[in-house]
């Protein structure tokens, strides 16, 4: 699992429910299909799948 925070205001506000309520009511994230542990973690804390991004290499 990788979480990137770059700006000081992002670091200070990360994980604060007050910040989430003020700026929206949903958290979205992307988890790679091969990252099973991250998928299980997010499933366990209430995240659900609501979209799927697919790709194909062009040769």
N, C-alpha and C. Protein backbone atom coordinates (compact mmCIF):
# COMPACT_ATOMS: atom_id res chain seq x y z
N UNK A 1 0.86 -1.17 0.00
CA UNK A 1 0.00 0.00 0.00
C UNK A 1 0.90 1.22 0.00
N UNK A 2 0.55 2.20 -0.83
CA UNK A 2 1.32 3.43 -0.90
C UNK A 2 0.38 4.62 -0.81
N UNK A 3 0.68 5.54 0.08
CA UNK A 3 -0.08 6.77 0.21
C UNK A 3 0.90 7.91 0.04
N UNK A 4 0.61 8.80 -0.90
CA UNK A 4 1.52 9.92 -1.15
C UNK A 4 0.86 11.22 -0.72
N UNK A 5 1.55 11.94 0.12
CA UNK A 5 1.12 13.27 0.55
C UNK A 5 2.28 14.21 0.29
N UNK A 6 2.01 15.29 -0.44
CA UNK A 6 3.11 16.16 -0.82
C UNK A 6 3.02 17.55 -0.24
N UNK A 7 1.84 18.11 -0.15
CA UNK A 7 1.68 19.47 0.35
C UNK A 7 1.43 19.44 1.85
N UNK A 8 1.98 20.41 2.59
CA UNK A 8 1.75 20.43 4.05
C UNK A 8 0.28 20.40 4.43
N UNK A 9 -0.57 21.10 3.67
CA UNK A 9 -1.99 21.10 4.02
C UNK A 9 -2.63 19.74 3.80
N UNK A 10 -2.10 18.96 2.84
CA UNK A 10 -2.62 17.61 2.64
C UNK A 10 -2.23 16.72 3.82
N UNK A 11 -1.01 16.86 4.27
CA UNK A 11 -0.53 16.05 5.39
C UNK A 11 -1.31 16.39 6.66
N UNK A 12 -1.52 17.67 6.92
CA UNK A 12 -2.25 18.08 8.11
C UNK A 12 -3.70 17.62 8.09
N UNK A 13 -4.33 17.59 6.91
CA UNK A 13 -5.74 17.24 6.82
C UNK A 13 -6.01 15.78 6.56
N UNK A 14 -5.00 14.99 6.31
CA UNK A 14 -5.20 13.59 5.96
C UNK A 14 -5.84 12.84 7.12
N UNK A 15 -6.95 12.16 6.83
CA UNK A 15 -7.60 11.32 7.83
C UNK A 15 -8.52 12.05 8.77
N UNK A 16 -8.66 13.33 8.65
CA UNK A 16 -9.54 14.08 9.55
C UNK A 16 -10.95 14.11 8.98
N UNK A 17 -11.90 13.57 9.69
CA UNK A 17 -13.27 13.53 9.18
C UNK A 17 -13.85 14.92 9.02
N UNK A 18 -13.42 15.87 9.84
CA UNK A 18 -13.91 17.24 9.68
C UNK A 18 -13.54 17.78 8.31
N UNK A 19 -12.32 17.56 7.90
CA UNK A 19 -11.85 18.01 6.59
C UNK A 19 -12.67 17.35 5.48
N UNK A 20 -12.97 16.08 5.63
CA UNK A 20 -13.76 15.37 4.63
C UNK A 20 -15.17 15.96 4.55
N UNK A 21 -15.79 16.20 5.69
CA UNK A 21 -17.14 16.76 5.69
C UNK A 21 -17.17 18.14 5.05
N UNK A 22 -16.13 18.93 5.28
CA UNK A 22 -16.10 20.28 4.73
C UNK A 22 -15.84 20.28 3.22
N UNK A 23 -15.14 19.27 2.73
CA UNK A 23 -14.73 19.26 1.33
C UNK A 23 -15.45 18.22 0.49
N UNK A 24 -16.39 17.51 1.04
CA UNK A 24 -17.11 16.49 0.30
C UNK A 24 -17.54 15.39 1.25
N UNK A 25 -18.21 14.40 0.70
CA UNK A 25 -18.72 13.34 1.57
C UNK A 25 -18.27 11.96 1.11
N UNK A 26 -17.23 11.91 0.31
CA UNK A 26 -16.78 10.62 -0.22
C UNK A 26 -15.27 10.62 -0.38
N UNK A 27 -14.67 9.50 -0.08
CA UNK A 27 -13.25 9.30 -0.34
C UNK A 27 -13.14 8.29 -1.47
N UNK A 28 -12.36 8.62 -2.49
CA UNK A 28 -12.12 7.68 -3.59
C UNK A 28 -10.63 7.38 -3.64
N UNK A 29 -10.32 6.15 -3.96
CA UNK A 29 -8.92 5.78 -4.11
C UNK A 29 -8.79 4.72 -5.17
N UNK A 30 -7.58 4.55 -5.64
CA UNK A 30 -7.29 3.55 -6.65
C UNK A 30 -6.37 2.51 -6.04
N UNK A 31 -6.73 1.25 -6.21
CA UNK A 31 -5.91 0.14 -5.73
C UNK A 31 -5.62 -0.75 -6.93
N UNK A 32 -4.37 -1.05 -7.14
CA UNK A 32 -3.99 -1.90 -8.27
C UNK A 32 -4.56 -3.31 -8.08
N UNK A 33 -4.92 -3.94 -9.19
CA UNK A 33 -5.59 -5.24 -9.14
C UNK A 33 -4.71 -6.31 -8.48
N UNK A 34 -3.40 -6.19 -8.59
CA UNK A 34 -2.49 -7.18 -8.00
C UNK A 34 -2.26 -6.95 -6.51
N UNK A 35 -2.73 -5.83 -5.96
CA UNK A 35 -2.48 -5.50 -4.56
C UNK A 35 -3.61 -6.03 -3.68
N UNK A 36 -3.61 -7.33 -3.51
CA UNK A 36 -4.68 -8.02 -2.80
C UNK A 36 -4.76 -7.58 -1.33
N UNK A 37 -3.62 -7.39 -0.68
CA UNK A 37 -3.64 -6.97 0.73
C UNK A 37 -4.31 -5.61 0.90
N UNK A 38 -4.02 -4.68 0.02
CA UNK A 38 -4.67 -3.36 0.10
C UNK A 38 -6.16 -3.49 -0.14
N UNK A 39 -6.56 -4.31 -1.12
CA UNK A 39 -7.98 -4.51 -1.38
C UNK A 39 -8.68 -5.06 -0.15
N UNK A 40 -8.07 -6.04 0.49
CA UNK A 40 -8.66 -6.63 1.69
C UNK A 40 -8.75 -5.61 2.82
N UNK A 41 -7.72 -4.80 2.97
CA UNK A 41 -7.74 -3.77 4.01
C UNK A 41 -8.89 -2.80 3.78
N UNK A 42 -8.99 -2.25 2.56
CA UNK A 42 -10.04 -1.27 2.29
C UNK A 42 -11.43 -1.89 2.37
N UNK A 43 -11.57 -3.15 1.94
CA UNK A 43 -12.84 -3.85 2.12
C UNK A 43 -13.20 -3.92 3.61
N UNK A 44 -12.22 -4.20 4.45
CA UNK A 44 -12.48 -4.40 5.88
C UNK A 44 -12.89 -3.12 6.59
N UNK A 45 -12.56 -1.96 6.03
CA UNK A 45 -12.96 -0.70 6.68
C UNK A 45 -14.11 -0.02 5.96
N UNK A 46 -14.79 -0.78 5.08
CA UNK A 46 -16.04 -0.28 4.53
C UNK A 46 -16.02 0.28 3.12
N UNK A 47 -14.86 0.26 2.46
CA UNK A 47 -14.84 0.72 1.07
C UNK A 47 -15.49 -0.34 0.18
N UNK A 48 -16.12 0.11 -0.90
CA UNK A 48 -16.74 -0.80 -1.86
C UNK A 48 -16.26 -0.45 -3.27
N UNK A 49 -16.29 -1.45 -4.15
CA UNK A 49 -15.95 -1.21 -5.55
C UNK A 49 -17.10 -0.50 -6.23
N UNK A 50 -16.81 0.59 -6.93
CA UNK A 50 -17.88 1.27 -7.66
C UNK A 50 -17.49 1.61 -9.08
N UNK A 51 -16.29 1.24 -9.49
CA UNK A 51 -15.90 1.41 -10.89
C UNK A 51 -14.76 0.46 -11.20
N UNK A 52 -14.49 0.34 -12.47
CA UNK A 52 -13.40 -0.53 -12.90
C UNK A 52 -12.72 0.11 -14.09
N UNK A 53 -11.42 0.23 -14.04
CA UNK A 53 -10.65 0.77 -15.14
C UNK A 53 -9.91 -0.40 -15.78
N UNK A 54 -10.10 -0.57 -17.08
CA UNK A 54 -9.45 -1.67 -17.78
C UNK A 54 -8.52 -1.09 -18.84
N UNK A 55 -7.49 -1.87 -19.18
CA UNK A 55 -6.56 -1.42 -20.22
C UNK A 55 -6.10 -2.60 -21.05
N UNK A 56 -5.53 -2.28 -22.19
CA UNK A 56 -4.99 -3.30 -23.08
C UNK A 56 -3.78 -2.71 -23.78
N UNK A 57 -2.69 -3.47 -23.80
CA UNK A 57 -1.50 -3.03 -24.50
C UNK A 57 -1.73 -3.14 -26.01
N UNK A 58 -1.36 -2.10 -26.73
CA UNK A 58 -1.47 -2.08 -28.19
C UNK A 58 -0.12 -2.47 -28.77
N UNK A 59 -0.12 -3.53 -29.57
CA UNK A 59 1.15 -3.96 -30.18
C UNK A 59 1.08 -3.94 -31.69
